[in-house]
Amino acid sequence: MHRTIHMKLDKVYILILSFWLGLFAIPFYSASLWGKDFTVVIDAGHGGHDPGAVGRISKEKNINLNVALKVGNLIKKNCNDVKVIYTRTKDVFIPLDRRAEIANNAKADLFISIHTNSVAKNRTVKGASTWTLGLAKSEANLEVAKRENSVILYENDYQTRYAGFNPNSSESYIIFEFMQDKYMEQSVHLASLVQKQFKHTCQRIDRGVHQAGFLVLKASAMPSILIELGFISTPEEERYLNSENGANTLAKGIYNAFLNYKREQELKLTGVSKTILPDESENESDNSPLIAQVASQTKTLSDNARPIVSESAVTVDDSEIIFKVQILTSSKPLSKNDKRLKGLKDVDYYKEKGIYKYTFGDSANYNEVLHARRSISTRFKDAFIVAFRNGERMDINEAITEFKKKKNK
C-alpha cells in the first residue's frame, strides 16, 4: 500500500517537473552572425504597482529605470550597429514572463536585467553584484532569487502562468537543479566583465558573480544577466543610487562591460571588430600619419625607453592597404622589454592624440594578418586588426572589402 502511494507520488513529481521544464523550454537562437545589428534588451526591474525594494527616500523601480535608460542611451549614442530594446521606458508594470518574451521575440543577442538589492535589518551592507541563472548554493543567494521572483505575486493569474510556482517556497526552486543553460558560459563571462567595471571603473565594493533561480533569466533564450546595483536598504548607498553621479557612473560601467563583451564575440566569430572600447573612443577619429608620428617620437626618446619600431613602419607603400594587429595602448612609450608586451618581438606603434597604440605584424594580405592575430590570441585576447593607407588609419571594413575585391580579380 505504502509502496503504491510512493510510486504515484513519484509519477506526479515527474509530471510536474516535466511540465515546468516544458513551460520554460526556449527556442535556440544561434549567436549573432554579425551580418545583422547586434540586439540588446535592457530590462528595468519592477515598475507600476510593483515598487520593488523600498528605501527611506526612494523605490527600487525608479532607480532601475533611471540606470537602464542611461545604459541604453550610451549604447544608442556610440554604437550604430546595435539595436536597443527596453522592456519598459516608463513607470508601468510588466509581467515577468513578458519581459523574457520581449527579448525572445526580438531574437536578442543579450538580455540585461537591472535591479537594486535590499537586506532586512541591515543598514551597512554595500556593493554591487551580478547574477546568472543557476541553482542557488547558499541561503543568502536563494533569498535574492525569492525576492526578485516574488514579482509574479502582483499578477492575478500567476498560479496558472507559472504552473503553481511559489516564489517564497524553497521546494519550488528544485526545478533549477535539472536545468541546463546553453548560454551559461557567455552569461558568466559577461557578468564577470560587469563586476570588473563596477570594481575598477565605478569604484564600488565588488560583491562578485553569483547564481540563483531567476524566472526572468530562465525564460530568456540568449546570454542573460541580472545586475544588483547596490543596497537601497543602506542609507549611504541609497543616496548614491539616487544621485545623478551614481546613476551615470553605474550606467557607464555596464556600458563598458557591454562593449568589451561585444568586441570579444566579434573577434571570436570573425577575427575583426569595429567596436571601439572606451579608452580608444576619443582617439579613433584622429588618424595621424604613422610615419610622421614615428619620426617625431623617436627623436625625443632615450635609448632605454625608445618604442620598438620595425622597418615596416617607415617603408609603407602608399599605393596599398597595410593590415596590422593592434595589441594594446599606452599613455607612455614602452621599452622593448616592457612586461605588457609579454615577450612579443617585432612590435611597432602608431600614435593618436598622445596615445601610443602598439601593433604586431604588417602585411597587405589580410589573411596573413588574421593568422598573426590568431597566433597571439592566447597572450593578447583583445587584439584586433587595423588597417592603414598612405600611413593613415582607415575603416577596417572598407579595407577588407577592397582586399577581397583585389583578391577575386
Protein backbone atom coordinates (compact mmCIF):
# COMPACT_ATOMS: atom_id res chain seq x y z
CA MET A 1 0.00 0.00 0.00
CA HIS A 2 2.69 2.49 1.04
CA ARG A 3 4.81 1.45 -1.92
CA THR A 4 1.92 2.12 -4.29
CA ILE A 5 1.40 5.61 -2.80
CA HIS A 6 5.10 6.42 -3.15
CA MET A 7 5.07 5.28 -6.78
CA LYS A 8 2.10 7.51 -7.50
CA LEU A 9 3.78 10.46 -5.82
CA ASP A 10 6.93 9.88 -7.87
CA LYS A 11 4.87 9.91 -11.05
CA VAL A 12 3.16 13.14 -10.03
CA TYR A 13 6.53 14.72 -9.22
CA ILE A 14 7.91 13.69 -12.62
CA LEU A 15 4.86 15.10 -14.39
CA ILE A 16 5.15 18.41 -12.54
CA LEU A 17 8.86 18.61 -13.27
CA SER A 18 8.30 17.78 -16.94
CA PHE A 19 5.63 20.46 -17.16
CA TRP A 20 8.00 23.07 -15.71
CA LEU A 21 10.83 22.12 -18.00
CA GLY A 22 8.44 22.28 -20.92
CA LEU A 23 6.99 25.59 -19.79
CA PHE A 24 10.41 27.18 -19.78
CA ALA A 25 11.70 25.39 -22.84
CA ILE A 26 13.05 28.16 -25.01
CA PRO A 27 13.85 28.28 -28.71
CA PHE A 28 17.50 28.12 -29.64
CA TYR A 29 18.79 31.25 -31.28
CA SER A 30 22.30 30.97 -32.63
CA ALA A 31 24.80 33.67 -31.75
CA SER A 32 24.70 36.75 -33.91
CA LEU A 33 26.39 36.23 -37.24
CA TRP A 34 27.34 39.89 -37.20
CA GLY A 35 25.66 40.35 -40.54
CA LYS A 36 22.74 41.94 -38.71
CA ASP A 37 22.59 44.52 -35.99
CA PHE A 38 23.56 43.35 -32.52
CA THR A 39 20.40 43.45 -30.38
CA VAL A 40 20.45 44.02 -26.63
CA VAL A 41 17.35 44.05 -24.44
CA ILE A 42 17.62 46.17 -21.30
CA ASP A 43 15.15 45.29 -18.58
CA ALA A 44 14.41 47.78 -15.79
CA GLY A 45 13.16 45.57 -12.98
CA HIS A 46 9.74 46.12 -11.32
CA GLY A 47 7.52 49.10 -12.19
CA GLY A 48 3.96 50.37 -11.86
CA HIS A 49 2.17 48.93 -8.85
CA ASP A 50 5.26 46.82 -8.11
CA PRO A 51 7.73 49.18 -6.39
CA GLY A 52 10.42 46.56 -5.80
CA ALA A 53 12.50 47.18 -2.68
CA VAL A 54 11.61 50.35 -0.82
CA GLY A 55 14.18 52.56 0.90
CA ARG A 56 13.88 55.62 3.09
CA ILE A 57 13.83 58.12 0.23
CA SER A 58 13.19 56.07 -2.90
CA LYS A 59 11.78 52.99 -4.60
CA GLU A 60 13.77 50.40 -6.48
CA LYS A 61 11.64 50.62 -9.63
CA ASN A 62 12.74 54.23 -10.23
CA ILE A 63 16.45 53.57 -9.65
CA ASN A 64 16.33 50.62 -12.06
CA LEU A 65 14.61 52.59 -14.79
CA ASN A 66 16.93 55.57 -14.48
CA VAL A 67 20.08 53.46 -14.88
CA ALA A 68 18.54 51.26 -17.60
CA LEU A 69 17.70 54.27 -19.75
CA LYS A 70 21.17 55.72 -19.26
CA VAL A 71 22.81 52.45 -20.34
CA GLY A 72 20.59 52.29 -23.42
CA ASN A 73 21.31 55.91 -24.34
CA LEU A 74 25.06 55.34 -24.13
CA ILE A 75 24.78 52.37 -26.48
CA LYS A 76 22.50 54.22 -28.91
CA LYS A 77 24.79 57.23 -28.98
CA ASN A 78 28.02 55.33 -29.58
CA CYS A 79 27.09 52.05 -31.31
CA ASN A 80 25.41 52.46 -34.68
CA ASP A 81 25.32 48.70 -35.21
CA VAL A 82 23.41 47.95 -32.00
CA LYS A 83 19.65 47.85 -31.64
CA VAL A 84 18.49 48.69 -28.10
CA ILE A 85 15.13 47.41 -26.86
CA TYR A 86 13.71 48.26 -23.44
CA THR A 87 11.17 46.12 -21.63
CA ARG A 88 9.81 49.38 -20.22
CA THR A 89 10.66 53.07 -20.63
CA LYS A 90 8.26 54.44 -18.02
CA ASP A 91 6.68 53.53 -14.70
CA VAL A 92 4.47 50.62 -15.81
CA PHE A 93 4.07 47.04 -14.64
CA ILE A 94 5.38 44.34 -16.99
CA PRO A 95 4.70 40.66 -16.11
CA LEU A 96 7.86 38.67 -15.52
CA ASP A 97 7.37 36.22 -18.37
CA ARG A 98 6.55 39.08 -20.74
CA ARG A 99 9.99 40.61 -20.15
CA ALA A 100 11.72 37.47 -21.38
CA GLU A 101 9.20 37.17 -24.20
CA ILE A 102 10.19 40.63 -25.46
CA ALA A 103 13.82 39.51 -25.68
CA ASN A 104 12.97 36.17 -27.30
CA ASN A 105 10.72 37.75 -29.92
CA ALA A 106 13.48 40.21 -30.81
CA LYS A 107 15.98 37.32 -31.11
CA ALA A 108 18.22 39.43 -28.89
CA ASP A 109 21.93 38.74 -28.50
CA LEU A 110 21.93 39.84 -24.85
CA PHE A 111 19.43 40.34 -22.04
CA ILE A 112 20.44 42.65 -19.18
CA SER A 113 18.07 42.96 -16.25
CA ILE A 114 18.78 45.82 -13.84
CA HIS A 115 17.74 45.69 -10.17
CA THR A 116 18.58 47.11 -6.75
CA ASN A 117 19.30 44.93 -3.73
CA SER A 118 17.92 45.11 -0.19
CA VAL A 119 18.56 43.32 3.09
CA ALA A 120 16.18 43.50 6.02
CA LYS A 121 17.55 44.79 9.33
CA ASN A 122 20.92 45.68 7.84
CA ARG A 123 21.86 49.31 7.23
CA THR A 124 25.56 48.87 6.48
CA VAL A 125 25.92 46.27 3.72
CA LYS A 126 27.19 47.74 0.44
CA GLY A 127 28.30 46.74 -3.02
CA ALA A 128 27.19 45.65 -6.48
CA SER A 129 26.74 42.09 -7.71
CA THR A 130 25.83 40.40 -10.96
CA TRP A 131 23.83 37.19 -11.27
CA THR A 132 23.35 34.42 -13.79
CA LEU A 133 20.89 31.58 -13.93
CA GLY A 134 21.61 28.55 -11.77
CA LEU A 135 20.90 26.73 -8.55
CA ALA A 136 21.47 28.94 -5.52
CA LYS A 137 24.29 27.47 -3.47
CA SER A 138 23.56 29.40 -0.30
CA GLU A 139 20.56 30.58 1.65
CA ALA A 140 21.55 34.20 1.00
CA ASN A 141 21.57 33.64 -2.76
CA LEU A 142 18.22 31.90 -2.57
CA GLU A 143 16.75 34.87 -0.71
CA VAL A 144 17.77 37.21 -3.53
CA ALA A 145 16.02 34.97 -6.07
CA LYS A 146 12.92 34.73 -3.86
CA ARG A 147 12.69 38.49 -3.59
CA GLU A 148 13.04 39.06 -7.33
CA ASN A 149 10.70 36.20 -8.28
CA SER A 150 8.02 37.44 -5.87
CA VAL A 151 7.13 39.93 -8.62
CA ILE A 152 4.78 37.27 -10.01
CA LEU A 153 2.57 37.68 -6.92
CA TYR A 154 1.45 41.00 -8.44
CA GLU A 155 -0.02 39.07 -11.39
CA ASN A 156 -3.62 37.94 -10.96
CA ASP A 157 -3.17 34.61 -12.75
CA TYR A 158 0.36 33.81 -11.59
CA GLN A 159 -0.52 30.31 -10.34
CA THR A 160 -1.67 29.36 -13.82
CA ARG A 161 1.00 31.26 -15.76
CA TYR A 162 3.87 29.85 -13.69
CA ALA A 163 2.46 26.34 -13.13
CA GLY A 164 1.96 26.73 -9.41
CA PHE A 165 5.46 28.05 -8.77
CA ASN A 166 5.65 29.59 -5.29
CA PRO A 167 8.46 32.18 -5.21
CA ASN A 168 8.61 32.00 -1.42
CA SER A 169 8.92 28.23 -1.20
CA SER A 170 12.39 26.68 -1.33
CA GLU A 171 10.89 23.50 -2.77
CA SER A 172 9.83 25.31 -5.93
CA TYR A 173 13.46 26.04 -6.78
CA ILE A 174 14.29 22.38 -7.31
CA ILE A 175 13.45 22.89 -10.99
CA PHE A 176 16.71 24.80 -11.41
CA GLU A 177 18.70 21.75 -10.36
CA PHE A 178 17.64 19.92 -13.52
CA MET A 179 18.10 22.81 -15.88
CA GLN A 180 20.84 23.06 -18.48
CA ASP A 181 21.66 26.54 -19.74
CA LYS A 182 23.41 26.52 -23.11
CA TYR A 183 24.36 30.18 -22.58
CA MET A 184 25.86 29.75 -19.13
CA GLU A 185 29.49 30.32 -20.14
CA GLN A 186 28.71 33.52 -22.03
CA SER A 187 26.43 34.79 -19.27
CA VAL A 188 29.03 34.22 -16.57
CA HIS A 189 31.70 35.92 -18.66
CA LEU A 190 29.52 38.98 -19.23
CA ALA A 191 28.73 39.06 -15.51
CA SER A 192 32.45 38.98 -14.74
CA LEU A 193 33.07 41.89 -17.11
CA VAL A 194 30.34 43.90 -15.37
CA GLN A 195 31.82 43.22 -11.94
CA LYS A 196 35.28 44.20 -13.17
CA GLN A 197 33.88 47.55 -14.28
CA PHE A 198 31.98 48.07 -11.03
CA LYS A 199 35.18 47.47 -9.07
CA HIS A 200 37.74 49.36 -11.13
CA THR A 201 35.78 51.99 -13.07
CA CYS A 202 32.90 52.68 -10.70
CA GLN A 203 34.94 52.17 -7.50
CA ARG A 204 32.14 50.14 -5.92
CA ILE A 205 32.51 47.27 -3.48
CA ASP A 206 32.69 44.09 -5.54
CA ARG A 207 30.22 41.51 -4.25
CA GLY A 208 31.04 39.13 -7.08
CA VAL A 209 29.23 36.95 -9.61
CA HIS A 210 26.56 34.59 -8.28
CA GLN A 211 23.96 32.13 -9.50
CA ALA A 212 20.35 31.69 -8.46
CA GLY A 213 16.99 30.63 -9.86
CA PHE A 214 15.61 33.76 -11.51
CA LEU A 215 12.48 33.11 -13.56
CA VAL A 216 13.16 36.04 -15.88
CA LEU A 217 16.56 34.58 -16.82
CA LYS A 218 15.23 31.04 -17.10
CA ALA A 219 12.79 32.05 -19.81
CA SER A 220 15.26 34.05 -21.92
CA ALA A 221 16.85 32.43 -24.97
CA MET A 222 20.21 34.22 -25.03
CA PRO A 223 23.11 35.08 -22.70
CA SER A 224 21.41 36.85 -19.78
CA ILE A 225 22.41 38.55 -16.54
CA LEU A 226 20.67 40.22 -13.63
CA ILE A 227 22.50 43.14 -12.01
CA GLU A 228 22.02 44.29 -8.42
CA LEU A 229 23.31 47.87 -8.46
CA GLY A 230 23.59 48.27 -4.71
CA PHE A 231 21.59 48.21 -1.48
CA ILE A 232 18.64 50.54 -1.17
CA SER A 233 18.40 49.38 2.45
CA THR A 234 21.70 51.11 3.28
CA PRO A 235 21.12 54.90 3.61
CA GLU A 236 24.53 55.88 2.25
CA GLU A 237 24.23 53.61 -0.74
CA GLU A 238 20.61 54.64 -1.35
CA ARG A 239 21.71 58.26 -1.62
CA TYR A 240 24.42 57.25 -4.11
CA LEU A 241 21.99 55.24 -6.21
CA ASN A 242 19.64 58.21 -6.40
CA SER A 243 22.34 60.75 -7.26
CA GLU A 244 23.00 61.77 -10.84
CA ASN A 245 26.68 60.93 -10.45
CA GLY A 246 25.91 57.50 -9.04
CA ALA A 247 23.45 56.60 -11.80
CA ASN A 248 25.80 57.89 -14.53
CA THR A 249 28.79 56.02 -13.12
CA LEU A 250 26.95 52.70 -12.80
CA ALA A 251 25.47 53.08 -16.29
CA LYS A 252 28.94 53.78 -17.73
CA GLY A 253 30.30 50.66 -16.02
CA ILE A 254 27.59 48.45 -17.53
CA TYR A 255 28.09 50.10 -20.93
CA ASN A 256 31.85 49.50 -20.81
CA ALA A 257 31.30 45.83 -19.94
CA PHE A 258 28.85 45.51 -22.84
CA LEU A 259 31.42 46.95 -25.27
CA ASN A 260 34.11 44.54 -24.07
CA TYR A 261 31.76 41.57 -24.41
CA LYS A 262 30.56 42.60 -27.87
CA ARG A 263 34.08 43.12 -29.20
CA GLU A 264 35.28 39.78 -27.83
CA GLN A 265 32.39 37.97 -29.51
CA GLU A 266 33.05 39.71 -32.83
CA LEU A 267 36.74 38.83 -32.72
CA LYS A 268 35.96 35.25 -31.82
CA LEU A 269 33.50 34.81 -34.69
CA THR A 270 35.05 36.89 -37.47
CA GLY A 271 38.56 37.85 -36.39
CA VAL A 272 37.73 41.54 -36.71
CA SER A 273 35.73 44.06 -34.71
CA LYS A 274 34.60 47.61 -35.31
CA THR A 275 33.63 48.04 -31.66
CA ILE A 276 35.75 50.75 -30.04
CA LEU A 277 36.50 50.44 -26.35
CA PRO A 278 36.22 53.48 -24.06
CA ASP A 279 39.96 54.07 -23.73
CA GLU A 280 40.20 54.32 -27.52
CA SER A 281 36.96 56.12 -28.41
CA GLU A 282 38.25 59.66 -28.04
CA ASN A 283 41.25 58.91 -30.23
CA GLU A 284 39.77 56.92 -33.11
CA SER A 285 38.66 59.92 -35.15
CA ASP A 286 42.15 61.39 -35.43
CA ASN A 287 44.14 59.25 -37.85
CA SER A 288 47.54 60.89 -37.53
CA PRO A 289 50.10 59.94 -40.18
CA LEU A 290 52.10 56.96 -38.99
CA ILE A 291 55.47 57.95 -40.46
CA ALA A 292 55.42 61.49 -39.08
CA GLN A 293 54.44 60.31 -35.62
CA VAL A 294 57.16 57.67 -35.53
CA ALA A 295 59.82 60.14 -36.65
CA SER A 296 58.87 62.86 -34.16
CA GLN A 297 58.74 60.49 -31.20
CA THR A 298 61.92 58.54 -31.80
CA LYS A 299 63.95 61.77 -31.74
CA THR A 300 62.84 62.66 -28.22
CA LEU A 301 63.10 59.28 -26.50
CA SER A 302 66.08 57.88 -24.66
CA ASP A 303 67.56 54.62 -25.94
CA ASN A 304 66.13 52.69 -22.99
CA ALA A 305 62.58 53.99 -23.34
CA ARG A 306 62.51 54.11 -27.13
CA PRO A 307 59.46 52.31 -28.58
CA ILE A 308 60.09 49.33 -30.77
CA VAL A 309 59.62 50.42 -34.38
CA SER A 310 60.17 47.90 -37.14
CA GLU A 311 61.40 48.93 -40.58
CA SER A 312 57.91 48.28 -41.94
CA ALA A 313 56.62 51.32 -40.06
CA VAL A 314 58.68 53.67 -42.22
CA THR A 315 58.56 51.86 -45.55
CA VAL A 316 54.83 51.78 -46.16
CA ASP A 317 53.89 51.54 -49.83
CA ASP A 318 51.45 54.42 -50.35
CA SER A 319 49.66 52.55 -53.13
CA GLU A 320 48.33 49.70 -50.98
CA ILE A 321 46.49 48.97 -47.77
CA ILE A 322 48.55 47.60 -44.88
CA PHE A 323 46.91 45.46 -42.19
CA LYS A 324 48.28 45.18 -38.64
CA VAL A 325 47.26 43.57 -35.35
CA GLN A 326 46.72 46.12 -32.58
CA ILE A 327 47.64 44.51 -29.25
CA LEU A 328 47.48 47.28 -26.64
CA THR A 329 47.50 51.01 -25.96
CA SER A 330 49.58 53.09 -23.58
CA SER A 331 49.71 56.72 -22.50
CA LYS A 332 53.52 56.47 -22.45
CA PRO A 333 56.08 54.88 -24.80
CA LEU A 334 57.10 51.33 -23.86
CA SER A 335 60.61 49.90 -23.79
CA LYS A 336 61.31 46.73 -25.73
CA ASN A 337 61.41 44.72 -22.50
CA ASP A 338 58.16 46.09 -21.07
CA LYS A 339 56.21 43.26 -19.44
CA ARG A 340 52.99 44.40 -21.13
CA LEU A 341 54.45 43.27 -24.45
CA LYS A 342 54.61 39.73 -23.00
CA GLY A 343 57.84 38.91 -24.80
CA LEU A 344 56.43 39.63 -28.25
CA LYS A 345 59.07 40.71 -30.78
CA ASP A 346 58.84 42.82 -33.94
CA VAL A 347 56.37 45.24 -32.38
CA ASP A 348 55.83 48.77 -33.67
CA TYR A 349 53.34 51.52 -32.89
CA TYR A 350 51.38 54.47 -34.16
CA LYS A 351 50.18 57.43 -32.14
CA GLU A 352 46.86 59.24 -31.91
CA LYS A 353 46.29 62.27 -29.67
CA GLY A 354 49.05 61.30 -27.28
CA ILE A 355 48.05 57.61 -27.07
CA TYR A 356 50.63 55.03 -28.18
CA LYS A 357 48.95 52.13 -29.98
CA TYR A 358 51.16 49.09 -30.35
CA THR A 359 50.84 46.69 -33.27
CA PHE A 360 52.26 43.37 -34.38
CA GLY A 361 52.81 42.14 -37.92
CA ASP A 362 52.02 44.03 -41.08
CA SER A 363 51.02 42.84 -44.50
CA ALA A 364 48.94 43.80 -47.49
CA ASN A 365 47.44 40.32 -47.21
CA TYR A 366 44.56 40.40 -44.71
CA ASN A 367 44.60 36.62 -44.29
CA GLU A 368 48.23 36.69 -43.15
CA VAL A 369 47.47 39.29 -40.51
CA LEU A 370 44.37 37.37 -39.43
CA HIS A 371 46.62 34.35 -38.92
CA ALA A 372 49.05 36.52 -36.94
CA ARG A 373 46.24 37.67 -34.66
CA ARG A 374 45.21 34.09 -34.00
CA SER A 375 48.80 33.11 -33.25
CA ILE A 376 48.99 35.63 -30.37
CA SER A 377 45.38 35.34 -29.17
CA THR A 378 46.37 33.46 -26.01
CA ARG A 379 48.65 36.31 -24.96
CA PHE A 380 46.54 39.20 -26.27
CA LYS A 381 42.93 38.03 -26.23
CA ASP A 382 41.62 41.54 -27.02
CA ALA A 383 43.89 42.06 -30.03
CA PHE A 384 42.16 43.21 -33.21
CA ILE A 385 43.08 44.10 -36.78
CA VAL A 386 43.57 47.68 -38.02
CA ALA A 387 44.30 48.99 -41.49
CA PHE A 388 46.33 51.88 -42.93
CA ARG A 389 46.54 53.61 -46.27
CA ASN A 390 49.16 56.27 -47.01
CA GLY A 391 50.25 55.93 -43.39
CA GLU A 392 46.80 56.85 -42.07
CA ARG A 393 44.30 54.69 -40.20
CA MET A 394 41.27 53.74 -42.30
CA ASP A 395 37.98 51.93 -41.78
CA ILE A 396 38.73 48.22 -41.36
CA ASN A 397 35.56 47.01 -43.08
CA GLU A 398 36.32 49.19 -46.12
CA ALA A 399 39.86 47.82 -46.14
CA ILE A 400 38.72 44.19 -46.01
CA THR A 401 36.18 44.78 -48.77
CA GLU A 402 38.85 46.29 -51.01
CA PHE A 403 41.25 43.43 -50.23
CA LYS A 404 38.61 40.85 -51.21
CA LYS A 405 37.86 42.68 -54.46
CA LYS A 406 41.54 42.69 -55.45
CA LYS A 407 41.92 39.05 -54.48
CA ASN A 408 38.96 37.99 -56.66
CA LYS A 409 40.20 39.82 -59.74
